[in-house]
Amino acid sequence: MTVLRAGSIERSFHHELPVSARRLGEWVLIRPVAEGNWTQLYQAQAASASPGSPPQYAVKTIRPECFDSSIAQRILAREVEVARMVTHPHIVPVLAWQLRHPPQYVVMPWLEGVSLRDLLRQRSPLPTAEALWLTRQIAEGLAALHAAGWIHADLKPENIIVNSDYHVTLIDLGFCVRQSEIQGRRRLIAGTLNYIAPEWWTMDGRPDARSDLFSLGVILYEMLCGRRPTNAKTLDELVALHRTWRLPAAQTVRGTLPRELVRLLRSLLARIPERRPHSATALIEALYPLEIEFFTDRDYSAALEHAGTNTVFSRHC
C-alpha cells in the first residue's frame, strides 16, 4: 500500500523462517513474502494441515516495531471490516483474523498468478481485447465495493491480481474509505501518485466512487498505451501537471483504438467527476459492446506463460 502522506517501503523475501518464529495462532508461517511500512506478509499453512502439503494461505501481520501504531492497526481492521461486508469473485476474501492483541493478523487465501504490474512489465501494451476484459472485471469488483458504501482509494496495477485464467482479484483493502469518512478527512490524501483522482487533493474536491473510476482510467490507458498518462515524481508536480496539461491522445500512441473506446477513456480521465461514468455499473455497461467488438481477438494462451506465474501476494502489504 502506498500512501502519499506516509510513503512506502516494499521489499520481497524468499528465505525460510526459523522454527521458533513459524507459529502464529492456528497458522504456520512458511516464509516471509513482503514487507511494507507497517505490515509483513507470509506464505502460510494451517497448523492442522498434513505435513508437506503446499501452503494455501497468506498471513498479513503488523511489523513488531509497529504494534502500537494506530495506522497499522487500522489497516488490518479495515481489511477485515471490508471483507466481512463485501463478498465477490473479484475481491480478495479474509478468512480469519486476530485483532485484539499483538501480534494482530489477518488470513487470506494464497493467490496464484501475477500482479497486473508484473504483467505489464513483461507484456505491454496489452491487446485491446485483453485490456477491456481486465478493465471490466476490475469495474465489477469496484461495483461491489461501491454498492457496500466503500471506495478502494488505492487502485493501481500492484493491487490487481491476474491468475492463469485471466481472472482478476482486487487486493489491499486496508485503505478503503467510506463516503461519510471523506468529508471529515478530505485533506488526508490516500492513494498512489499518478493514479489518484484530482478531487483527492483539490481544495473543493469531494472524492467519491467516481474517484476509483479515474484510477481505473489511468490503468486502462496504461494497458492500452504502454505508459501512464502522467509520470509525476511528487504531489506538487502532479498538481501542476493537472493544471496545465492535456491528456495525451491515445490514438497518437496507439492509432488502432476505436473512437468509442477513446471517448470512454477520456471520460474516465476527466478532471471533473461529473464528466466521468456515474458509476462502475455504468462503466461495465459501456464496456460490453466494446468487448463484443474485440471478442475474437482474445488470445491469452501465452500471456501469463510469458509473464510468469509467480505468486502475486508479494505486493499485498
C-alpha atoms as a PDB file:
ATOM      1  CA  MET A   1       0.000   0.000   0.000  1.00  0.00           C
ATOM      2  CA  THR A   2       1.312   3.428  -0.908  1.00  0.00           C
ATOM      3  CA  VAL A   3       0.065   6.438   0.986  1.00  0.00           C
ATOM      4  CA  LEU A   4       1.172   9.832  -0.190  1.00  0.00           C
ATOM      5  CA  ARG A   5       1.194  11.187   3.335  1.00  0.00           C
ATOM      6  CA  ALA A   6       3.496   8.431   4.541  1.00  0.00           C
ATOM      7  CA  GLY A   7       5.437   6.990   1.626  1.00  0.00           C
ATOM      8  CA  SER A   8       6.147   3.323   1.174  1.00  0.00           C
ATOM      9  CA  ILE A   9       8.844   0.752   1.630  1.00  0.00           C
ATOM     10  CA  GLU A  10       8.359  -2.605  -0.045  1.00  0.00           C
ATOM     11  CA  ARG A  11      10.827  -5.445  -0.014  1.00  0.00           C
ATOM     12  CA  SER A  12      10.375  -9.062  -1.038  1.00  0.00           C
ATOM     13  CA  PHE A  13      11.783 -12.034   0.852  1.00  0.00           C
ATOM     14  CA  HIS A  14      12.105 -15.686  -0.015  1.00  0.00           C
ATOM     15  CA  HIS A  15      14.093 -17.256   2.842  1.00  0.00           C
ATOM     16  CA  GLU A  16      12.742 -19.760   5.322  1.00  0.00           C
ATOM     17  CA  LEU A  17      11.741 -18.631   8.817  1.00  0.00           C
ATOM     18  CA  PRO A  18      13.487 -20.035  11.897  1.00  0.00           C
ATOM     19  CA  VAL A  19      11.421 -22.759  13.540  1.00  0.00           C
ATOM     20  CA  SER A  20      10.795 -20.608  16.646  1.00  0.00           C
ATOM     21  CA  ALA A  21       9.098 -17.910  14.569  1.00  0.00           C
ATOM     22  CA  ARG A  22       6.905 -20.113  12.442  1.00  0.00           C
ATOM     23  CA  ARG A  23       3.714 -20.357  14.566  1.00  0.00           C
ATOM     24  CA  LEU A  24       1.103 -17.590  14.751  1.00  0.00           C
ATOM     25  CA  GLY A  25      -2.142 -18.710  16.344  1.00  0.00           C
ATOM     26  CA  GLU A  26      -3.501 -21.617  14.340  1.00  0.00           C
ATOM     27  CA  TRP A  27      -1.264 -20.810  11.398  1.00  0.00           C
ATOM     28  CA  VAL A  28       2.222 -21.954  10.481  1.00  0.00           C
ATOM     29  CA  LEU A  29       4.254 -19.267   8.714  1.00  0.00           C
ATOM     30  CA  ILE A  30       6.279 -20.828   5.900  1.00  0.00           C
ATOM     31  CA  ARG A  31       8.279 -17.886   4.589  1.00  0.00           C
ATOM     32  CA  PRO A  32       8.145 -14.079   4.504  1.00  0.00           C
ATOM     33  CA  VAL A  33       6.993 -12.704   1.179  1.00  0.00           C
ATOM     34  CA  ALA A  34       6.987  -8.926   1.511  1.00  0.00           C
ATOM     35  CA  GLU A  35       7.274  -6.042   3.929  1.00  0.00           C
ATOM     36  CA  GLY A  36       5.566  -2.665   3.857  1.00  0.00           C
ATOM     37  CA  ASN A  37       5.668   0.393   6.078  1.00  0.00           C
ATOM     38  CA  TRP A  38       3.560  -1.218   8.783  1.00  0.00           C
ATOM     39  CA  THR A  39       2.906  -4.833   7.829  1.00  0.00           C
ATOM     40  CA  GLN A  40       4.605  -8.059   6.825  1.00  0.00           C
ATOM     41  CA  LEU A  41       3.193 -10.783   4.612  1.00  0.00           C
ATOM     42  CA  TYR A  42       3.888 -14.507   4.929  1.00  0.00           C
ATOM     43  CA  GLN A  43       3.047 -17.585   2.962  1.00  0.00           C
ATOM     44  CA  ALA A  44       1.367 -19.860   5.485  1.00  0.00           C
ATOM     45  CA  GLN A  45      -0.428 -23.107   6.134  1.00  0.00           C
ATOM     46  CA  ALA A  46      -2.986 -24.170   8.706  1.00  0.00           C
ATOM     47  CA  ALA A  47      -1.391 -25.930  11.670  1.00  0.00           C
ATOM     48  CA  SER A  48      -3.851 -28.793  11.155  1.00  0.00           C
ATOM     49  CA  ALA A  49      -2.720 -29.365   7.549  1.00  0.00           C
ATOM     50  CA  SER A  50      -0.957 -32.571   6.616  1.00  0.00           C
ATOM     51  CA  PRO A  51       2.850 -32.340   6.740  1.00  0.00           C
ATOM     52  CA  GLY A  52       4.300 -31.422   3.376  1.00  0.00           C
ATOM     53  CA  SER A  53       1.049 -30.080   1.938  1.00  0.00           C
ATOM     54  CA  PRO A  54       1.511 -26.941  -0.179  1.00  0.00           C
ATOM     55  CA  PRO A  55       0.881 -23.596   1.534  1.00  0.00           C
ATOM     56  CA  GLN A  56      -2.613 -22.319   0.788  1.00  0.00           C
ATOM     57  CA  TYR A  57      -2.814 -19.111   2.804  1.00  0.00           C
ATOM     58  CA  ALA A  58      -1.317 -15.656   3.159  1.00  0.00           C
ATOM     59  CA  VAL A  59      -0.982 -14.120   6.608  1.00  0.00           C
ATOM     60  CA  LYS A  60      -0.552 -10.380   6.986  1.00  0.00           C
ATOM     61  CA  THR A  61       0.646  -9.202  10.357  1.00  0.00           C
ATOM     62  CA  ILE A  62       1.837  -5.928  11.863  1.00  0.00           C
ATOM     63  CA  ARG A  63       5.594  -5.497  11.993  1.00  0.00           C
ATOM     64  CA  PRO A  64       6.842  -5.855  15.621  1.00  0.00           C
ATOM     65  CA  GLU A  65       8.083  -2.264  15.765  1.00  0.00           C
ATOM     66  CA  CYS A  66       4.621  -1.080  14.667  1.00  0.00           C
ATOM     67  CA  PHE A  67       2.483  -2.995  17.176  1.00  0.00           C
ATOM     68  CA  ASP A  68       1.453   0.306  18.796  1.00  0.00           C
ATOM     69  CA  SER A  69       0.876   2.116  15.507  1.00  0.00           C
ATOM     70  CA  SER A  70      -2.737   3.225  15.115  1.00  0.00           C
ATOM     71  CA  ILE A  71      -2.234   3.305  11.324  1.00  0.00           C
ATOM     72  CA  ALA A  72      -1.069  -0.310  11.217  1.00  0.00           C
ATOM     73  CA  GLN A  73      -3.943  -1.414  13.428  1.00  0.00           C
ATOM     74  CA  ARG A  74      -6.400   0.477  11.250  1.00  0.00           C
ATOM     75  CA  ILE A  75      -5.066  -1.156   8.068  1.00  0.00           C
ATOM     76  CA  LEU A  76      -5.734  -4.668   9.344  1.00  0.00           C
ATOM     77  CA  ALA A  77      -9.052  -3.765  10.968  1.00  0.00           C
ATOM     78  CA  ARG A  78     -10.259  -2.115   7.792  1.00  0.00           C
ATOM     79  CA  GLU A  79      -9.318  -5.120   5.649  1.00  0.00           C
ATOM     80  CA  VAL A  80     -11.445  -7.298   7.926  1.00  0.00           C
ATOM     81  CA  GLU A  81     -14.321  -4.815   8.014  1.00  0.00           C
ATOM     82  CA  VAL A  82     -14.497  -4.506   4.227  1.00  0.00           C
ATOM     83  CA  ALA A  83     -14.128  -8.225   3.563  1.00  0.00           C
ATOM     84  CA  ARG A  84     -16.910  -9.056   6.020  1.00  0.00           C
ATOM     85  CA  MET A  85     -19.259  -6.726   4.137  1.00  0.00           C
ATOM     86  CA  VAL A  86     -18.238  -7.482   0.554  1.00  0.00           C
ATOM     87  CA  THR A  87     -18.172 -10.988  -0.878  1.00  0.00           C
ATOM     88  CA  HIS A  88     -17.417 -11.015  -4.577  1.00  0.00           C
ATOM     89  CA  PRO A  89     -15.328 -13.116  -7.002  1.00  0.00           C
ATOM     90  CA  HIS A  90     -13.150 -10.092  -7.808  1.00  0.00           C
ATOM     91  CA  ILE A  91     -12.492  -9.056  -4.175  1.00  0.00           C
ATOM     92  CA  VAL A  92      -9.929 -10.868  -2.016  1.00  0.00           C
ATOM     93  CA  PRO A  93     -11.638 -12.521   0.969  1.00  0.00           C
ATOM     94  CA  VAL A  94     -10.409 -12.515   4.561  1.00  0.00           C
ATOM     95  CA  LEU A  95     -10.748 -15.979   6.068  1.00  0.00           C
ATOM     96  CA  ALA A  96      -9.668 -15.405   9.671  1.00  0.00           C
ATOM     97  CA  TRP A  97      -8.240 -12.679  11.886  1.00  0.00           C
ATOM     98  CA  GLN A  98      -6.989 -11.786  15.339  1.00  0.00           C
ATOM     99  CA  LEU A  99      -7.110  -8.075  16.154  1.00  0.00           C
ATOM    100  CA  ARG A 100      -7.459  -7.980  19.953  1.00  0.00           C
ATOM    101  CA  HIS A 101      -3.787  -8.020  20.929  1.00  0.00           C
ATOM    102  CA  PRO A 102      -0.307  -8.184  19.340  1.00  0.00           C
ATOM    103  CA  PRO A 103       0.588  -9.758  17.050  1.00  0.00           C
ATOM    104  CA  GLN A 104      -2.565  -8.839  15.154  1.00  0.00           C
ATOM    105  CA  TYR A 105      -3.011 -10.618  11.831  1.00  0.00           C
ATOM    106  CA  VAL A 106      -5.429 -11.439   9.022  1.00  0.00           C
ATOM    107  CA  VAL A 107      -5.530 -14.605   6.948  1.00  0.00           C
ATOM    108  CA  MET A 108      -6.349 -14.661   3.239  1.00  0.00           C
ATOM    109  CA  PRO A 109      -6.153 -17.305   0.516  1.00  0.00           C
ATOM    110  CA  TRP A 110      -2.800 -17.639  -1.193  1.00  0.00           C
ATOM    111  CA  LEU A 111      -3.469 -16.338  -4.695  1.00  0.00           C
ATOM    112  CA  GLU A 112      -1.502 -17.728  -7.602  1.00  0.00           C
ATOM    113  CA  GLY A 113      -0.847 -15.565 -10.625  1.00  0.00           C
ATOM    114  CA  VAL A 114       0.883 -12.254 -11.295  1.00  0.00           C
ATOM    115  CA  SER A 115       0.145  -8.678 -10.430  1.00  0.00           C
ATOM    116  CA  LEU A 116      -1.065  -6.547 -13.286  1.00  0.00           C
ATOM    117  CA  ARG A 117       2.109  -4.523 -12.763  1.00  0.00           C
ATOM    118  CA  ASP A 118       4.252  -7.606 -13.407  1.00  0.00           C
ATOM    119  CA  LEU A 119       2.134  -8.491 -16.428  1.00  0.00           C
ATOM    120  CA  LEU A 120       2.621  -5.004 -17.869  1.00  0.00           C
ATOM    121  CA  ARG A 121       6.366  -5.128 -17.242  1.00  0.00           C
ATOM    122  CA  GLN A 122       6.604  -8.243 -19.382  1.00  0.00           C
ATOM    123  CA  ARG A 123       3.917  -7.606 -21.963  1.00  0.00           C
ATOM    124  CA  SER A 124       2.916  -4.029 -22.634  1.00  0.00           C
ATOM    125  CA  PRO A 125       0.865  -2.644 -24.206  1.00  0.00           C
ATOM    126  CA  LEU A 126      -1.796  -5.319 -23.961  1.00  0.00           C
ATOM    127  CA  PRO A 127      -4.049  -6.289 -26.855  1.00  0.00           C
ATOM    128  CA  THR A 128      -7.246  -4.254 -26.766  1.00  0.00           C
ATOM    129  CA  ALA A 129      -9.452  -7.290 -26.096  1.00  0.00           C
ATOM    130  CA  GLU A 130      -7.413  -8.276 -23.042  1.00  0.00           C
ATOM    131  CA  ALA A 131      -7.320  -4.729 -21.667  1.00  0.00           C
ATOM    132  CA  LEU A 132     -11.098  -4.458 -21.989  1.00  0.00           C
ATOM    133  CA  TRP A 133     -11.739  -7.796 -20.287  1.00  0.00           C
ATOM    134  CA  LEU A 134      -9.429  -6.955 -17.391  1.00  0.00           C
ATOM    135  CA  THR A 135     -10.989  -3.495 -17.053  1.00  0.00           C
ATOM    136  CA  ARG A 136     -14.497  -4.904 -16.921  1.00  0.00           C
ATOM    137  CA  GLN A 137     -13.547  -7.370 -14.182  1.00  0.00           C
ATOM    138  CA  ILE A 138     -11.901  -4.596 -12.162  1.00  0.00           C
ATOM    139  CA  ALA A 139     -15.038  -2.500 -12.597  1.00  0.00           C
ATOM    140  CA  GLU A 140     -17.177  -5.408 -11.359  1.00  0.00           C
ATOM    141  CA  GLY A 141     -15.064  -5.599  -8.200  1.00  0.00           C
ATOM    142  CA  LEU A 142     -15.353  -1.846  -7.727  1.00  0.00           C
ATOM    143  CA  ALA A 143     -19.114  -2.006  -8.239  1.00  0.00           C
ATOM    144  CA  ALA A 144     -19.366  -4.494  -5.364  1.00  0.00           C
ATOM    145  CA  LEU A 145     -17.268  -2.260  -3.100  1.00  0.00           C
ATOM    146  CA  HIS A 146     -19.228   0.850  -4.042  1.00  0.00           C
ATOM    147  CA  ALA A 147     -22.582  -0.880  -3.514  1.00  0.00           C
ATOM    148  CA  ALA A 148     -21.497  -1.616   0.062  1.00  0.00           C
ATOM    149  CA  GLY A 149     -20.504   2.018   0.595  1.00  0.00           C
ATOM    150  CA  TRP A 150     -16.731   1.678   0.165  1.00  0.00           C
ATOM    151  CA  ILE A 151     -14.177   3.420  -2.039  1.00  0.00           C
ATOM    152  CA  HIS A 152     -10.987   1.458  -2.723  1.00  0.00           C
ATOM    153  CA  ALA A 153      -8.857   4.640  -2.699  1.00  0.00           C
ATOM    154  CA  ASP A 154      -5.626   2.953  -3.823  1.00  0.00           C
ATOM    155  CA  LEU A 155      -6.402   1.272  -7.120  1.00  0.00           C
ATOM    156  CA  LYS A 156      -3.231   0.581  -9.142  1.00  0.00           C
ATOM    157  CA  PRO A 157      -1.697  -2.341 -11.076  1.00  0.00           C
ATOM    158  CA  GLU A 158       0.172  -3.571  -7.986  1.00  0.00           C
ATOM    159  CA  ASN A 159      -3.173  -4.155  -6.237  1.00  0.00           C
ATOM    160  CA  ILE A 160      -4.715  -6.179  -9.055  1.00  0.00           C
ATOM    161  CA  ILE A 161      -4.083  -9.914  -9.333  1.00  0.00           C
ATOM    162  CA  VAL A 162      -4.386 -11.796 -12.638  1.00  0.00           C
ATOM    163  CA  ASN A 163      -4.355 -15.587 -12.493  1.00  0.00           C
ATOM    164  CA  SER A 164      -3.643 -18.098 -15.253  1.00  0.00           C
ATOM    165  CA  ASP A 165      -7.277 -17.934 -16.409  1.00  0.00           C
ATOM    166  CA  TYR A 166      -7.068 -14.144 -16.603  1.00  0.00           C
ATOM    167  CA  HIS A 167      -9.370 -13.840 -13.609  1.00  0.00           C
ATOM    168  CA  VAL A 168      -8.910 -10.566 -11.702  1.00  0.00           C
ATOM    169  CA  THR A 169      -8.854 -10.118  -7.926  1.00  0.00           C
ATOM    170  CA  LEU A 170      -8.598  -6.735  -6.196  1.00  0.00           C
ATOM    171  CA  ILE A 171      -6.415  -6.735  -3.086  1.00  0.00           C
ATOM    172  CA  ASP A 172      -5.100  -4.293  -0.499  1.00  0.00           C
ATOM    173  CA  LEU A 173      -8.372  -3.207   1.071  1.00  0.00           C
ATOM    174  CA  GLY A 174      -6.760  -1.673   4.142  1.00  0.00           C
ATOM    175  CA  PHE A 175      -7.151   1.883   2.885  1.00  0.00           C
ATOM    176  CA  CYS A 176     -10.725   1.620   1.713  1.00  0.00           C
ATOM    177  CA  VAL A 177     -12.806   4.525   2.973  1.00  0.00           C
ATOM    178  CA  ARG A 178     -16.489   5.208   3.409  1.00  0.00           C
ATOM    179  CA  GLN A 179     -18.012   8.190   1.687  1.00  0.00           C
ATOM    180  CA  SER A 180     -19.066   9.541   5.089  1.00  0.00           C
ATOM    181  CA  GLU A 181     -15.469   9.429   6.327  1.00  0.00           C
ATOM    182  CA  ILE A 182     -14.091  11.509   3.473  1.00  0.00           C
ATOM    183  CA  GLN A 183     -15.928  14.685   4.380  1.00  0.00           C
ATOM    184  CA  GLY A 184     -14.118  14.923   7.699  1.00  0.00           C
ATOM    185  CA  ARG A 185     -10.668  13.824   6.443  1.00  0.00           C
ATOM    186  CA  ARG A 186     -10.675  15.127   2.922  1.00  0.00           C
ATOM    187  CA  ARG A 187      -7.207  16.678   3.184  1.00  0.00           C
ATOM    188  CA  LEU A 188      -5.737  13.326   4.216  1.00  0.00           C
ATOM    189  CA  ILE A 189      -4.614  12.121   0.804  1.00  0.00           C
ATOM    190  CA  ALA A 190      -4.590   8.377   0.261  1.00  0.00           C
ATOM    191  CA  GLY A 191      -3.519   6.708  -2.920  1.00  0.00           C
ATOM    192  CA  THR A 192      -0.567   6.475  -5.257  1.00  0.00           C
ATOM    193  CA  LEU A 193       0.918   9.259  -7.334  1.00  0.00           C
ATOM    194  CA  ASN A 194      -0.220   9.257 -10.975  1.00  0.00           C
ATOM    195  CA  TYR A 195      -3.271   7.125 -10.104  1.00  0.00           C
ATOM    196  CA  ILE A 196      -5.180   9.368  -7.690  1.00  0.00           C
ATOM    197  CA  ALA A 197      -8.068  11.493  -8.936  1.00  0.00           C
ATOM    198  CA  PRO A 198      -7.698  15.297  -8.754  1.00  0.00           C
ATOM    199  CA  GLU A 199     -10.551  15.659  -6.252  1.00  0.00           C
ATOM    200  CA  TRP A 200      -8.398  13.964  -3.614  1.00  0.00           C
ATOM    201  CA  TRP A 201      -6.074  16.955  -3.482  1.00  0.00           C
ATOM    202  CA  THR A 202      -8.072  19.965  -4.755  1.00  0.00           C
ATOM    203  CA  MET A 203      -9.384  22.358  -2.109  1.00  0.00           C
ATOM    204  CA  ASP A 204     -13.029  21.959  -3.113  1.00  0.00           C
ATOM    205  CA  GLY A 205     -12.767  18.341  -4.187  1.00  0.00           C
ATOM    206  CA  ARG A 206     -15.223  15.736  -2.919  1.00  0.00           C
ATOM    207  CA  PRO A 207     -13.894  12.225  -3.620  1.00  0.00           C
ATOM    208  CA  ASP A 208     -16.496   9.546  -4.198  1.00  0.00           C
ATOM    209  CA  ALA A 209     -16.866   6.269  -6.082  1.00  0.00           C
ATOM    210  CA  ARG A 210     -16.019   8.061  -9.329  1.00  0.00           C
ATOM    211  CA  SER A 211     -12.547   8.702  -7.925  1.00  0.00           C
ATOM    212  CA  ASP A 212     -11.874   4.966  -8.253  1.00  0.00           C
ATOM    213  CA  LEU A 213     -13.050   5.188 -11.873  1.00  0.00           C
ATOM    214  CA  PHE A 214     -10.413   7.839 -12.587  1.00  0.00           C
ATOM    215  CA  SER A 215      -7.759   5.459 -11.222  1.00  0.00           C
ATOM    216  CA  LEU A 216      -9.168   2.697 -13.412  1.00  0.00           C
ATOM    217  CA  GLY A 217      -8.959   5.070 -16.379  1.00  0.00           C
ATOM    218  CA  VAL A 218      -5.244   5.555 -15.714  1.00  0.00           C
ATOM    219  CA  ILE A 219      -4.817   1.770 -15.583  1.00  0.00           C
ATOM    220  CA  LEU A 220      -6.766   1.266 -18.813  1.00  0.00           C
ATOM    221  CA  TYR A 221      -4.660   3.933 -20.542  1.00  0.00           C
ATOM    222  CA  GLU A 222      -1.509   2.196 -19.296  1.00  0.00           C
ATOM    223  CA  MET A 223      -2.696  -1.198 -20.540  1.00  0.00           C
ATOM    224  CA  LEU A 224      -3.570   0.197 -23.971  1.00  0.00           C
ATOM    225  CA  CYS A 225      -0.671   2.604 -24.483  1.00  0.00           C
ATOM    226  CA  GLY A 226       2.170   1.015 -22.527  1.00  0.00           C
ATOM    227  CA  ARG A 227       2.675   4.032 -20.278  1.00  0.00           C
ATOM    228  CA  ARG A 228       0.782   6.150 -17.778  1.00  0.00           C
ATOM    229  CA  PRO A 229      -0.717   9.444 -18.914  1.00  0.00           C
ATOM    230  CA  THR A 230       1.358  11.218 -16.218  1.00  0.00           C
ATOM    231  CA  ASN A 231       4.676  10.423 -14.581  1.00  0.00           C
ATOM    232  CA  ALA A 232       4.950  12.928 -11.735  1.00  0.00           C
ATOM    233  CA  LYS A 233       7.539  12.372  -9.015  1.00  0.00           C
ATOM    234  CA  THR A 234       5.875  14.486  -6.315  1.00  0.00           C
ATOM    235  CA  LEU A 235       2.373  15.595  -5.428  1.00  0.00           C
ATOM    236  CA  ASP A 236       3.263  19.221  -6.262  1.00  0.00           C
ATOM    237  CA  GLU A 237       4.405  18.128  -9.713  1.00  0.00           C
ATOM    238  CA  LEU A 238       1.198  16.155 -10.221  1.00  0.00           C
ATOM    239  CA  VAL A 239      -0.916  19.157  -9.221  1.00  0.00           C
ATOM    240  CA  ALA A 240       0.994  21.351 -11.689  1.00  0.00           C
ATOM    241  CA  LEU A 241       0.544  18.786 -14.465  1.00  0.00           C
ATOM    242  CA  HIS A 242      -3.202  18.636 -13.973  1.00  0.00           C
ATOM    243  CA  ARG A 243      -3.464  22.412 -14.069  1.00  0.00           C
ATOM    244  CA  THR A 244      -1.560  22.920 -17.309  1.00  0.00           C
ATOM    245  CA  TRP A 245      -1.530  19.611 -19.160  1.00  0.00           C
ATOM    246  CA  ARG A 246      -3.921  17.894 -21.545  1.00  0.00           C
ATOM    247  CA  LEU A 247      -4.412  14.150 -21.684  1.00  0.00           C
ATOM    248  CA  PRO A 248      -2.194  12.709 -24.429  1.00  0.00           C
ATOM    249  CA  ALA A 249      -4.369  11.480 -27.269  1.00  0.00           C
ATOM    250  CA  ALA A 250      -4.443   7.693 -27.040  1.00  0.00           C
ATOM    251  CA  GLN A 251      -4.668   7.498 -30.850  1.00  0.00           C
ATOM    252  CA  THR A 252      -1.247   9.125 -31.189  1.00  0.00           C
ATOM    253  CA  VAL A 253       0.232   6.347 -29.058  1.00  0.00           C
ATOM    254  CA  ARG A 254      -1.895   3.537 -30.458  1.00  0.00           C
ATOM    255  CA  GLY A 255      -3.680   4.529 -33.626  1.00  0.00           C
ATOM    256  CA  THR A 256      -5.872   1.418 -33.890  1.00  0.00           C
ATOM    257  CA  LEU A 257      -8.152   2.256 -30.955  1.00  0.00           C
ATOM    258  CA  PRO A 258     -11.811   2.705 -31.943  1.00  0.00           C
ATOM    259  CA  ARG A 259     -13.387   6.095 -31.439  1.00  0.00           C
ATOM    260  CA  GLU A 260     -15.855   4.771 -28.847  1.00  0.00           C
ATOM    261  CA  LEU A 261     -13.026   3.436 -26.702  1.00  0.00           C
ATOM    262  CA  VAL A 262     -11.088   6.693 -26.931  1.00  0.00           C
ATOM    263  CA  ARG A 263     -14.223   8.582 -25.898  1.00  0.00           C
ATOM    264  CA  LEU A 264     -14.717   6.267 -22.910  1.00  0.00           C
ATOM    265  CA  LEU A 265     -11.078   6.638 -21.905  1.00  0.00           C
ATOM    266  CA  ARG A 266     -11.352  10.420 -21.982  1.00  0.00           C
ATOM    267  CA  SER A 267     -14.478  10.342 -19.840  1.00  0.00           C
ATOM    268  CA  LEU A 268     -12.790   8.140 -17.230  1.00  0.00           C
ATOM    269  CA  LEU A 269      -9.842  10.543 -17.045  1.00  0.00           C
ATOM    270  CA  ALA A 270     -11.938  13.703 -16.891  1.00  0.00           C
ATOM    271  CA  ARG A 271     -10.720  16.068 -14.180  1.00  0.00           C
ATOM    272  CA  ILE A 272     -14.299  16.841 -13.176  1.00  0.00           C
ATOM    273  CA  PRO A 273     -16.037  13.772 -11.646  1.00  0.00           C
ATOM    274  CA  GLU A 274     -19.401  14.717 -13.183  1.00  0.00           C
ATOM    275  CA  ARG A 275     -17.922  14.084 -16.635  1.00  0.00           C
ATOM    276  CA  ARG A 276     -16.955  10.503 -15.800  1.00  0.00           C
ATOM    277  CA  PRO A 277     -19.297   7.495 -15.891  1.00  0.00           C
ATOM    278  CA  HIS A 278     -21.666   7.995 -12.969  1.00  0.00           C
ATOM    279  CA  SER A 279     -20.945   4.537 -11.541  1.00  0.00           C
ATOM    280  CA  ALA A 280     -18.886   1.393 -12.006  1.00  0.00           C
ATOM    281  CA  THR A 281     -22.066  -0.310 -13.217  1.00  0.00           C
ATOM    282  CA  ALA A 282     -22.465   2.319 -15.938  1.00  0.00           C
ATOM    283  CA  LEU A 283     -18.850   1.715 -16.950  1.00  0.00           C
ATOM    284  CA  ILE A 284     -19.480  -2.036 -17.190  1.00  0.00           C
ATOM    285  CA  GLU A 285     -22.445  -1.404 -19.472  1.00  0.00           C
ATOM    286  CA  ALA A 286     -20.276   0.825 -21.679  1.00  0.00           C
ATOM    287  CA  LEU A 287     -17.570  -1.850 -21.868  1.00  0.00           C
ATOM    288  CA  TYR A 288     -19.827  -4.709 -23.018  1.00  0.00           C
ATOM    289  CA  PRO A 289     -20.271  -3.598 -26.657  1.00  0.00           C
ATOM    290  CA  LEU A 290     -16.540  -2.873 -26.928  1.00  0.00           C
ATOM    291  CA  GLU A 291     -15.728  -6.329 -25.571  1.00  0.00           C
ATOM    292  CA  ILE A 292     -18.075  -7.898 -28.098  1.00  0.00           C
ATOM    293  CA  GLU A 293     -16.396  -5.960 -30.912  1.00  0.00           C
ATOM    294  CA  PHE A 294     -12.962  -7.296 -29.956  1.00  0.00           C
ATOM    295  CA  PHE A 295     -14.007 -10.716 -28.624  1.00  0.00           C
ATOM    296  CA  THR A 296     -12.497 -12.704 -31.476  1.00  0.00           C
ATOM    297  CA  ASP A 297      -9.133 -11.005 -30.865  1.00  0.00           C
ATOM    298  CA  ARG A 298      -8.705 -12.575 -27.444  1.00  0.00           C
ATOM    299  CA  ASP A 299      -5.609 -14.741 -27.199  1.00  0.00           C
ATOM    300  CA  TYR A 300      -4.432 -15.390 -23.656  1.00  0.00           C
ATOM    301  CA  SER A 301      -2.724 -18.706 -24.212  1.00  0.00           C
ATOM    302  CA  ALA A 302       0.795 -17.314 -23.877  1.00  0.00           C
ATOM    303  CA  ALA A 303       0.096 -14.181 -21.852  1.00  0.00           C
ATOM    304  CA  LEU A 304       0.764 -15.438 -18.353  1.00  0.00           C
ATOM    305  CA  GLU A 305       3.279 -18.005 -19.545  1.00  0.00           C
ATOM    306  CA  HIS A 306       5.337 -15.094 -20.868  1.00  0.00           C
ATOM    307  CA  ALA A 307       4.844 -13.008 -17.738  1.00  0.00           C
ATOM    308  CA  GLY A 308       5.467 -15.910 -15.385  1.00  0.00           C
ATOM    309  CA  THR A 309       3.131 -17.327 -12.755  1.00  0.00           C
ATOM    310  CA  ASN A 310       4.788 -16.065  -9.600  1.00  0.00           C
ATOM    311  CA  THR A 311       2.512 -15.613  -6.641  1.00  0.00           C
ATOM    312  CA  VAL A 312       1.470 -12.001  -6.539  1.00  0.00           C
ATOM    313  CA  PHE A 313       0.717 -11.539  -2.871  1.00  0.00           C
ATOM    314  CA  SER A 314       4.247 -10.150  -2.605  1.00  0.00           C
ATOM    315  CA  ARG A 315       2.568  -6.822  -3.436  1.00  0.00           C
ATOM    316  CA  HIS A 316      -0.110  -7.222  -0.783  1.00  0.00           C
ATOM    317  CA  CYS A 317       1.412  -5.202   2.045  1.00  0.00           C
END
